[in-house]
Amino acid sequence: MKYIALIGTAAQQSYNRELLQFMKHHFSQRATIDVNEITGIPLFNEPTQNHIPATVQALNDKISQADGVIIGVPEYDHAIPAALKNVIEWLSYQLHPFANKPVMLVGTSLGVQGTCRAQGDLRNILNAPGVDAQVLPGNEYMLSYAAKAFDQNGQMTDAPSIKFLERCFDNFEKYVKALNAYLSGMSKIPAYFEKYLGIKAVSWKHDIKPGDAVAIKKTMAEYPELAGSDTIDFALVHKRDKDAALWKLLRQKVLERADNIDVWLDSRAQHLIQDPNTKVIQGVQIKRGERLLNTHANNGVVLAMGGFENNPELKQTYLHSDNLTPLGTLYNRGDGIKMAQEVDAKMWHMTNYESHGILPGITFKEDANERGRQIEHWPLLKNGSIFVIADDGTRYFQEDAKHRHGHVYTHGSWLIPMNNQHPLLNF
């Protein structure tokens, strides 16, 4: 990995400079860290000729070419130094090298917590429209009593501080790899269509015209008010939608490579195989028919989790209900979640679920082991007046509330709708 580190001050003496230099040498076997001064950047004043100073352009190019950015953050008057804010103003004017770029924040303090407010200040700035950085969440590295933290050779002397820095850097490397892989891959879907499927992708945004057999959208984005929403597009197989064309094409490509791809049905993954010492995931145990098979992975295991809508225990644990009707496949039983828990994976956003329908979160009651039906397709909803009452007989949400993928706009936020065991729809 190649990172660029920015010393967040123009001061000649800075313990943040020493910290970044220490990181450069300490992690040299794992990454290249190019430590940069921010001196020489002129005071930002929007140029009349849209001129970008050479020093700004050079810094922009370095950030653009790096896998991630590390910023040493001093604190002055409870905020970041003016010199650092000045750099970010230049790099969010016409140039935008921080956009979707992974950023790690570190800082030093003469006392106990002198960089904490500055790091919070900088997080807000890096999240601003036009900057749009992806700042590593958590992992707030703040080196206290910096004047005593380094020896005469610039080496940190406190073992716990070094260990915590190593842990933060480990998490940053994982964050960079995950973010770069995801963002890069999503942007290359049309190229993948051509390379692996042999077709030229149809752009929903640019190729679809009135009269095509595709649902016309006012905007591609589900949340058009968010920055960057105008860049969203969908790749289609042809000028139709909702006809399973991509699935059929992928199925055909798998059949054409039957000599290299084995398709196993009735084969349920049971456990991940983990090295007890290194904790590396080495393979998967699969129950195929009545046989247990230990399958070795050469390059890693991709765990496609699915959902847990058909697992009463997990529904009750995470969603506080065991009476939700599944709209998806009846085979989503949370197997992937259990396997991940066995190897000490961290669970995240487990209370999130997706509900569909004109009336948020409501579907028809079905018998056990039956899939639900989307209530929004029921013609009687289109006529007359309706209201919904909860288990206690009260009206508990606005029936015409805006909804986006199961989230309801309420009190200024998009939230998951409250569920009830047996809500009643009244006409």
Protein backbone atom coordinates (compact mmCIF):
# COMPACT_ATOMS: atom_id res chain seq x y z
CA MET A 1 0.00 0.00 0.00
CA LYS A 2 1.11 3.56 -0.69
CA TYR A 3 -0.04 6.30 1.67
CA ILE A 4 0.53 10.03 1.78
CA ALA A 5 0.84 11.59 5.23
CA LEU A 6 0.14 15.27 5.82
CA ILE A 7 1.70 17.19 8.71
CA GLY A 8 -1.30 19.30 9.71
CA THR A 9 0.65 22.43 10.63
CA ALA A 10 3.14 24.87 9.16
CA ALA A 11 5.04 25.11 12.47
CA GLN A 12 8.75 24.31 12.30
CA GLN A 13 8.59 22.11 15.39
CA SER A 14 5.70 19.68 15.74
CA TYR A 15 5.30 16.40 17.56
CA ASN A 16 2.81 15.41 14.85
CA ARG A 17 5.72 15.52 12.41
CA GLU A 18 7.66 13.16 14.72
CA LEU A 19 4.66 10.84 15.00
CA LEU A 20 4.24 10.60 11.23
CA GLN A 21 7.97 10.04 10.72
CA PHE A 22 7.83 7.28 13.34
CA MET A 23 4.91 5.67 11.51
CA LYS A 24 6.81 5.86 8.22
CA HIS A 25 9.72 3.83 9.61
CA HIS A 26 7.75 1.59 11.97
CA PHE A 27 5.38 0.37 9.23
CA SER A 28 7.94 0.41 6.38
CA GLN A 29 7.72 -3.36 5.89
CA ARG A 30 3.97 -3.12 5.29
CA ALA A 31 3.43 0.17 3.48
CA THR A 32 5.11 3.16 1.89
CA ILE A 33 4.26 6.34 3.78
CA ASP A 34 5.26 9.60 2.08
CA VAL A 35 5.32 12.34 4.75
CA ASN A 36 4.50 15.79 3.35
CA GLU A 37 4.70 19.33 4.68
CA ILE A 38 1.87 21.78 3.95
CA THR A 39 4.14 24.82 3.86
CA GLY A 40 4.31 26.63 0.54
CA ILE A 41 0.54 26.47 -0.01
CA PRO A 42 -0.72 30.05 -0.61
CA LEU A 43 -3.66 31.49 1.28
CA PHE A 44 -6.88 30.39 -0.40
CA ASN A 45 -8.76 33.11 -2.23
CA GLU A 46 -10.94 31.94 -5.10
CA PRO A 47 -8.93 32.82 -8.22
CA THR A 48 -10.60 34.87 -10.94
CA GLN A 49 -8.93 32.81 -13.68
CA ASN A 50 -9.58 29.43 -12.04
CA HIS A 51 -5.82 29.13 -11.60
CA ILE A 52 -4.50 26.31 -9.42
CA PRO A 53 -1.07 27.01 -7.85
CA ALA A 54 1.64 24.49 -8.71
CA THR A 55 2.13 23.49 -5.05
CA VAL A 56 -1.58 22.72 -4.72
CA GLN A 57 -1.63 20.75 -7.97
CA ALA A 58 1.38 18.71 -6.86
CA LEU A 59 -0.24 17.84 -3.53
CA ASN A 60 -3.49 16.98 -5.30
CA ASP A 61 -1.66 14.57 -7.61
CA LYS A 62 0.04 12.82 -4.69
CA ILE A 63 -3.24 12.35 -2.84
CA SER A 64 -5.02 11.15 -5.98
CA GLN A 65 -2.38 8.49 -6.62
CA ALA A 66 -2.19 7.27 -3.01
CA ASP A 67 -4.24 4.38 -1.61
CA GLY A 68 -5.04 6.44 1.47
CA VAL A 69 -4.19 9.55 3.47
CA ILE A 70 -2.91 9.86 7.04
CA ILE A 71 -3.21 13.29 8.68
CA GLY A 72 -1.33 14.38 11.79
CA VAL A 73 -3.77 16.72 13.54
CA PRO A 74 -2.55 19.39 15.99
CA GLU A 75 -5.07 21.42 17.95
CA TYR A 76 -5.17 25.21 18.22
CA ASP A 77 -8.01 26.96 20.04
CA HIS A 78 -10.13 23.78 20.08
CA ALA A 79 -9.88 23.37 16.28
CA ILE A 80 -7.48 22.43 13.50
CA PRO A 81 -4.72 24.88 12.48
CA ALA A 82 -5.59 27.50 9.85
CA ALA A 83 -2.86 26.12 7.58
CA LEU A 84 -4.54 22.70 7.42
CA LYS A 85 -7.99 24.19 6.79
CA ASN A 86 -6.43 26.29 4.03
CA VAL A 87 -5.10 23.16 2.29
CA ILE A 88 -8.49 21.48 2.40
CA GLU A 89 -10.16 24.59 0.97
CA TRP A 90 -7.80 24.45 -2.02
CA LEU A 91 -8.43 20.71 -2.42
CA SER A 92 -12.20 21.09 -2.48
CA TYR A 93 -12.37 24.07 -4.85
CA GLN A 94 -11.79 22.64 -8.35
CA LEU A 95 -9.71 19.63 -7.40
CA HIS A 96 -11.30 16.92 -5.26
CA PRO A 97 -8.62 14.34 -4.41
CA PHE A 98 -10.22 13.46 -1.06
CA ALA A 99 -13.45 12.24 -2.68
CA ASN A 100 -13.98 8.63 -1.54
CA LYS A 101 -10.37 8.51 -0.35
CA PRO A 102 -9.73 6.55 2.89
CA VAL A 103 -8.34 8.86 5.60
CA MET A 104 -6.82 8.05 8.99
CA LEU A 105 -6.49 10.72 11.68
CA VAL A 106 -3.74 10.70 14.31
CA GLY A 107 -2.60 13.42 16.65
CA THR A 108 -0.35 14.39 19.53
CA SER A 109 -0.94 16.46 22.63
CA LEU A 110 1.26 18.16 25.18
CA GLY A 111 -1.34 17.14 27.79
CA VAL A 112 -3.92 14.39 28.00
CA GLN A 113 -6.38 15.11 25.18
CA GLY A 114 -5.22 18.14 23.23
CA THR A 115 -5.96 16.72 19.79
CA CYS A 116 -9.44 15.27 20.44
CA ARG A 117 -11.45 18.39 19.57
CA ALA A 118 -9.32 19.03 16.48
CA GLN A 119 -9.88 15.49 15.23
CA GLY A 120 -13.62 15.89 15.72
CA ASP A 121 -13.46 19.22 13.90
CA LEU A 122 -11.53 17.67 11.01
CA ARG A 123 -13.93 14.74 10.69
CA ASN A 124 -16.78 17.20 10.09
CA ILE A 125 -14.75 19.12 7.51
CA LEU A 126 -13.70 15.99 5.62
CA ASN A 127 -17.35 14.92 5.49
CA ALA A 128 -18.44 18.20 3.83
CA PRO A 129 -19.82 18.23 0.25
CA GLY A 130 -16.93 18.82 -2.12
CA VAL A 131 -14.48 17.06 0.20
CA ASP A 132 -16.33 13.74 0.62
CA ALA A 133 -13.50 11.81 2.28
CA GLN A 134 -14.04 8.38 3.82
CA VAL A 135 -12.64 8.82 7.33
CA LEU A 136 -11.78 5.67 9.29
CA PRO A 137 -14.48 5.41 12.00
CA GLY A 138 -13.40 4.93 15.59
CA ASN A 139 -9.67 4.22 16.02
CA GLU A 140 -9.03 7.68 17.45
CA TYR A 141 -5.27 7.73 18.00
CA MET A 142 -4.26 10.52 20.38
CA LEU A 143 -0.72 10.48 21.77
CA SER A 144 -0.68 12.21 25.18
CA TYR A 145 2.34 13.96 26.73
CA ALA A 146 4.10 13.99 23.37
CA ALA A 147 7.14 15.85 24.70
CA LYS A 148 8.08 12.73 26.65
CA ALA A 149 6.90 10.18 24.07
CA PHE A 150 9.97 10.14 21.78
CA ASP A 151 13.64 9.45 22.46
CA GLN A 152 16.52 11.36 20.83
CA ASN A 153 16.30 9.11 17.75
CA GLY A 154 12.61 9.84 17.18
CA GLN A 155 11.46 6.44 18.47
CA MET A 156 8.34 6.16 20.60
CA THR A 157 9.16 4.67 23.98
CA ASP A 158 5.78 3.73 25.45
CA ALA A 159 4.91 0.13 24.49
CA PRO A 160 1.11 0.41 25.08
CA SER A 161 0.95 3.53 22.87
CA ILE A 162 2.83 1.72 20.10
CA LYS A 163 0.55 -1.31 20.41
CA PHE A 164 -2.56 0.85 20.14
CA LEU A 165 -1.09 2.66 17.10
CA GLU A 166 -0.42 -0.72 15.47
CA ARG A 167 -4.00 -1.79 16.08
CA CYS A 168 -5.36 1.45 14.58
CA PHE A 169 -3.07 1.06 11.56
CA ASP A 170 -4.18 -2.58 11.11
CA ASN A 171 -7.79 -1.42 11.00
CA PHE A 172 -6.92 1.36 8.56
CA GLU A 173 -5.28 -1.11 6.18
CA LYS A 174 -8.37 -3.33 6.29
CA TYR A 175 -10.56 -0.28 5.72
CA VAL A 176 -8.48 0.84 2.73
CA LYS A 177 -8.56 -2.59 1.10
CA ALA A 178 -12.29 -3.00 1.59
CA LEU A 179 -13.16 0.53 0.46
CA ASN A 180 -10.90 0.55 -2.59
CA ALA A 181 -12.06 -2.89 -3.72
CA TYR A 182 -15.74 -1.99 -3.34
CA LEU A 183 -15.58 1.46 -4.94
CA SER A 184 -13.28 0.35 -7.74
CA GLY A 185 -15.37 -2.71 -8.50
CA MET A 186 -18.67 -0.83 -8.55
CA SER A 187 -17.30 1.70 -11.03
CA LYS A 188 -16.16 -1.05 -13.42
CA ILE A 189 -19.42 -2.98 -13.83
CA PRO A 190 -19.79 -2.03 -17.55
CA ALA A 191 -16.25 -3.28 -18.19
CA TYR A 192 -17.06 -6.54 -16.39
CA PHE A 193 -20.16 -6.99 -18.54
CA GLU A 194 -18.04 -6.74 -21.67
CA LYS A 195 -15.12 -8.84 -20.39
CA TYR A 196 -16.99 -11.69 -18.75
CA LEU A 197 -20.44 -11.68 -20.35
CA GLY A 198 -19.54 -10.53 -23.85
CA ILE A 199 -22.13 -7.73 -23.99
CA LYS A 200 -22.08 -3.95 -23.93
CA ALA A 201 -23.93 -2.72 -20.86
CA VAL A 202 -26.97 -0.47 -21.32
CA SER A 203 -26.82 2.65 -19.14
CA TRP A 204 -30.12 3.43 -17.45
CA LYS A 205 -29.05 7.04 -17.12
CA HIS A 206 -27.81 7.66 -20.67
CA ASP A 207 -29.29 5.00 -22.98
CA ILE A 208 -32.90 4.59 -21.85
CA LYS A 209 -35.41 6.72 -23.79
CA PRO A 210 -39.18 7.26 -23.44
CA GLY A 211 -40.99 4.28 -24.89
CA ASP A 212 -38.39 1.71 -23.84
CA ALA A 213 -39.75 -1.20 -21.75
CA VAL A 214 -38.02 0.12 -18.65
CA ALA A 215 -39.48 1.96 -15.69
CA ILE A 216 -38.60 5.63 -16.21
CA LYS A 217 -37.02 7.16 -13.11
CA LYS A 218 -36.84 10.85 -12.26
CA THR A 219 -33.53 10.12 -10.54
CA MET A 220 -31.30 7.08 -10.24
CA ALA A 221 -30.65 7.79 -6.56
CA GLU A 222 -32.93 6.68 -3.77
CA TYR A 223 -31.63 9.57 -1.66
CA PRO A 224 -31.20 12.36 -4.25
CA GLU A 225 -30.62 14.98 -1.55
CA LEU A 226 -27.24 13.45 -0.69
CA ALA A 227 -24.02 14.73 -2.28
CA GLY A 228 -22.89 12.72 -5.31
CA SER A 229 -26.34 11.31 -6.05
CA ASP A 230 -26.20 12.63 -9.61
CA THR A 231 -23.37 10.18 -10.41
CA ILE A 232 -25.48 7.06 -9.76
CA ASP A 233 -26.34 4.82 -12.70
CA PHE A 234 -27.53 1.25 -13.33
CA ALA A 235 -26.06 -1.21 -15.83
CA LEU A 236 -28.63 -3.26 -17.74
CA VAL A 237 -28.26 -6.25 -20.05
CA HIS A 238 -30.69 -4.73 -22.56
CA LYS A 239 -33.41 -2.07 -22.77
CA ARG A 240 -35.80 -3.98 -20.54
CA ASP A 241 -36.00 -4.55 -16.80
CA LYS A 242 -37.54 -7.03 -14.36
CA ASP A 243 -37.25 -9.93 -16.81
CA ALA A 244 -34.34 -11.79 -15.14
CA ALA A 245 -32.13 -11.18 -18.17
CA LEU A 246 -28.93 -10.87 -16.14
CA TRP A 247 -29.70 -14.04 -14.19
CA LYS A 248 -30.37 -15.98 -17.39
CA LEU A 249 -27.13 -14.74 -18.92
CA LEU A 250 -25.07 -15.62 -15.84
CA ARG A 251 -26.68 -19.08 -15.72
CA GLN A 252 -25.79 -19.69 -19.35
CA LYS A 253 -22.17 -18.64 -18.77
CA VAL A 254 -21.92 -21.07 -15.84
CA LEU A 255 -23.32 -23.89 -17.99
CA GLU A 256 -20.79 -23.10 -20.72
CA ARG A 257 -17.99 -23.55 -18.15
CA ALA A 258 -19.37 -26.72 -16.61
CA ASP A 259 -15.93 -28.34 -16.93
CA ASN A 260 -14.52 -25.71 -14.51
CA ILE A 261 -17.52 -24.82 -12.32
CA ASP A 262 -19.31 -27.31 -10.08
CA VAL A 263 -22.82 -26.33 -9.00
CA TRP A 264 -23.81 -28.06 -5.76
CA LEU A 265 -27.45 -28.08 -4.72
CA ASP A 266 -28.69 -29.51 -1.42
CA SER A 267 -25.29 -28.55 0.04
CA ARG A 268 -25.58 -26.54 3.22
CA ALA A 269 -22.53 -24.76 4.65
CA GLN A 270 -22.10 -25.70 8.32
CA HIS A 271 -18.90 -24.15 9.67
CA LEU A 272 -15.89 -22.08 8.63
CA ILE A 273 -12.59 -23.92 9.10
CA GLN A 274 -10.22 -21.68 11.05
CA ASP A 275 -6.59 -22.15 12.01
CA PRO A 276 -6.63 -22.10 15.84
CA ASN A 277 -3.35 -20.19 16.08
CA THR A 278 -3.30 -17.71 13.17
CA LYS A 279 -7.12 -17.39 13.01
CA VAL A 280 -6.90 -17.55 9.20
CA ILE A 281 -10.04 -18.96 7.55
CA GLN A 282 -8.83 -21.98 5.58
CA GLY A 283 -12.04 -23.40 4.18
CA VAL A 284 -15.65 -24.43 4.76
CA GLN A 285 -17.38 -27.51 6.10
CA ILE A 286 -20.36 -28.43 3.94
CA LYS A 287 -23.11 -30.97 4.49
CA ARG A 288 -23.92 -32.45 1.11
CA GLY A 289 -26.70 -34.97 1.38
CA GLU A 290 -25.66 -37.08 4.38
CA ARG A 291 -21.93 -36.41 4.03
CA LEU A 292 -19.82 -33.78 5.78
CA LEU A 293 -17.13 -32.40 3.45
CA ASN A 294 -14.21 -30.20 4.49
CA THR A 295 -13.45 -27.95 1.52
CA HIS A 296 -10.07 -26.19 1.41
CA ALA A 297 -9.83 -22.64 0.01
CA ASN A 298 -6.67 -21.64 -1.86
CA ASN A 299 -7.14 -17.85 -1.73
CA GLY A 300 -9.78 -17.13 0.88
CA VAL A 301 -13.48 -17.54 1.58
CA VAL A 302 -16.21 -15.12 0.50
CA LEU A 303 -19.14 -15.36 2.91
CA ALA A 304 -22.36 -14.24 1.21
CA MET A 305 -24.52 -13.89 4.30
CA GLY A 306 -28.08 -13.71 3.07
CA GLY A 307 -30.66 -12.77 5.67
CA PHE A 308 -32.21 -14.42 8.71
CA GLU A 309 -35.90 -13.86 8.05
CA ASN A 310 -36.66 -17.57 8.51
CA ASN A 311 -34.82 -17.96 11.81
CA PRO A 312 -37.19 -17.20 14.72
CA GLU A 313 -34.35 -17.05 17.26
CA LEU A 314 -32.36 -14.44 15.31
CA LYS A 315 -35.50 -12.43 14.50
CA GLN A 316 -36.38 -12.28 18.16
CA THR A 317 -32.80 -11.44 19.19
CA TYR A 318 -32.15 -8.65 16.70
CA LEU A 319 -35.59 -7.46 15.53
CA HIS A 320 -37.52 -8.11 18.77
CA SER A 321 -40.19 -10.05 16.93
CA ASP A 322 -40.74 -13.66 15.90
CA ASN A 323 -43.85 -12.93 13.86
CA LEU A 324 -42.51 -11.23 10.73
CA THR A 325 -43.63 -12.58 7.37
CA PRO A 326 -40.67 -13.10 4.99
CA LEU A 327 -40.85 -11.55 1.53
CA GLY A 328 -37.59 -13.18 0.43
CA THR A 329 -36.46 -16.76 0.02
CA LEU A 330 -37.55 -19.31 2.59
CA TYR A 331 -33.96 -20.57 2.80
CA ASN A 332 -32.51 -17.48 4.49
CA ARG A 333 -31.96 -19.04 7.90
CA GLY A 334 -28.98 -17.05 9.14
CA ASP A 335 -26.43 -19.82 8.56
CA GLY A 336 -23.77 -17.33 7.45
CA ILE A 337 -24.30 -15.21 10.56
CA LYS A 338 -23.83 -18.21 12.84
CA MET A 339 -20.68 -19.25 11.00
CA ALA A 340 -19.27 -15.72 11.28
CA GLN A 341 -20.04 -15.61 15.00
CA GLU A 342 -18.19 -18.88 15.54
CA VAL A 343 -14.95 -17.30 14.27
CA ASP A 344 -15.45 -14.12 16.35
CA ALA A 345 -16.57 -11.83 13.53
CA LYS A 346 -17.95 -8.46 14.60
CA MET A 347 -21.66 -8.02 13.99
CA TRP A 348 -22.82 -4.65 12.64
CA HIS A 349 -26.27 -3.12 12.01
CA MET A 350 -28.02 -6.35 12.93
CA THR A 351 -31.25 -4.52 13.78
CA ASN A 352 -31.62 -3.35 10.18
CA TYR A 353 -34.19 -5.01 7.96
CA GLU A 354 -35.89 -4.12 4.70
CA SER A 355 -39.66 -3.95 4.37
CA HIS A 356 -41.63 -3.14 1.24
CA GLY A 357 -45.03 -1.66 0.62
CA ILE A 358 -47.08 1.52 0.37
CA LEU A 359 -47.79 1.12 4.09
CA PRO A 360 -44.37 0.81 5.72
CA GLY A 361 -43.52 -2.60 7.03
CA ILE A 362 -46.94 -4.19 6.48
CA THR A 363 -47.62 -7.35 4.47
CA PHE A 364 -50.35 -9.97 4.44
CA LYS A 365 -50.38 -12.56 7.21
CA GLU A 366 -49.36 -15.98 5.87
CA ASP A 367 -49.12 -19.51 7.21
CA ALA A 368 -45.77 -20.81 8.46
CA ASN A 369 -43.22 -21.54 5.72
CA GLU A 370 -45.09 -19.37 3.21
CA ARG A 371 -43.62 -16.33 1.51
CA GLY A 372 -45.33 -12.98 1.97
CA ARG A 373 -46.88 -10.83 -0.75
CA GLN A 374 -46.17 -7.15 -1.18
CA ILE A 375 -49.21 -5.25 0.01
CA GLU A 376 -48.58 -2.34 -2.35
CA HIS A 377 -49.87 -4.42 -5.28
CA TRP A 378 -53.29 -4.83 -3.66
CA PRO A 379 -55.79 -2.80 -5.75
CA LEU A 380 -58.05 -1.98 -2.78
CA LEU A 381 -55.30 0.24 -1.36
CA LYS A 382 -55.82 2.66 -4.24
CA ASN A 383 -59.40 3.56 -3.32
CA GLY A 384 -61.04 5.34 -0.42
CA SER A 385 -59.56 6.10 2.97
CA ILE A 386 -57.51 3.81 5.19
CA PHE A 387 -55.76 3.91 8.53
CA VAL A 388 -53.70 1.41 10.51
CA ILE A 389 -54.00 0.58 14.20
CA ALA A 390 -51.40 -1.17 16.34
CA ASP A 391 -51.75 -3.97 18.87
CA ASP A 392 -52.97 -1.52 21.52
CA GLY A 393 -55.66 0.00 19.30
CA THR A 394 -53.80 3.25 18.54
CA ARG A 395 -52.88 4.72 15.16
CA TYR A 396 -49.09 4.45 15.11
CA PHE A 397 -47.76 5.88 11.87
CA GLN A 398 -48.68 8.21 9.06
CA GLU A 399 -50.26 6.02 6.38
CA ASP A 400 -48.98 8.13 3.49
CA ALA A 401 -45.51 8.55 5.01
CA LYS A 402 -42.67 8.69 2.51
CA HIS A 403 -40.76 5.42 2.42
CA ARG A 404 -37.52 4.29 0.81
CA HIS A 405 -36.56 0.63 0.89
CA GLY A 406 -38.40 -0.02 4.11
CA HIS A 407 -37.29 3.15 5.87
CA VAL A 408 -39.85 5.78 6.87
CA TYR A 409 -39.25 9.51 7.09
CA THR A 410 -40.17 10.48 10.64
CA HIS A 411 -39.00 13.31 12.90
CA GLY A 412 -36.29 14.36 10.45
CA SER A 413 -34.66 10.94 9.92
CA TRP A 414 -35.13 7.86 7.77
CA LEU A 415 -35.89 5.09 10.28
CA ILE A 416 -36.97 1.46 10.17
CA PRO A 417 -40.74 1.30 10.79
CA MET A 418 -42.05 0.09 14.14
CA ASN A 419 -43.39 -3.44 13.82
CA ASN A 420 -46.42 -4.86 15.60
CA GLN A 421 -47.48 -8.47 16.03
CA HIS A 422 -50.87 -8.03 14.37
CA PRO A 423 -51.58 -4.54 13.03
CA LEU A 424 -55.04 -4.00 11.54
CA LEU A 425 -55.76 -2.15 8.30
CA ASN A 426 -59.07 -0.30 8.46
CA PHE A 427 -61.13 0.92 5.50
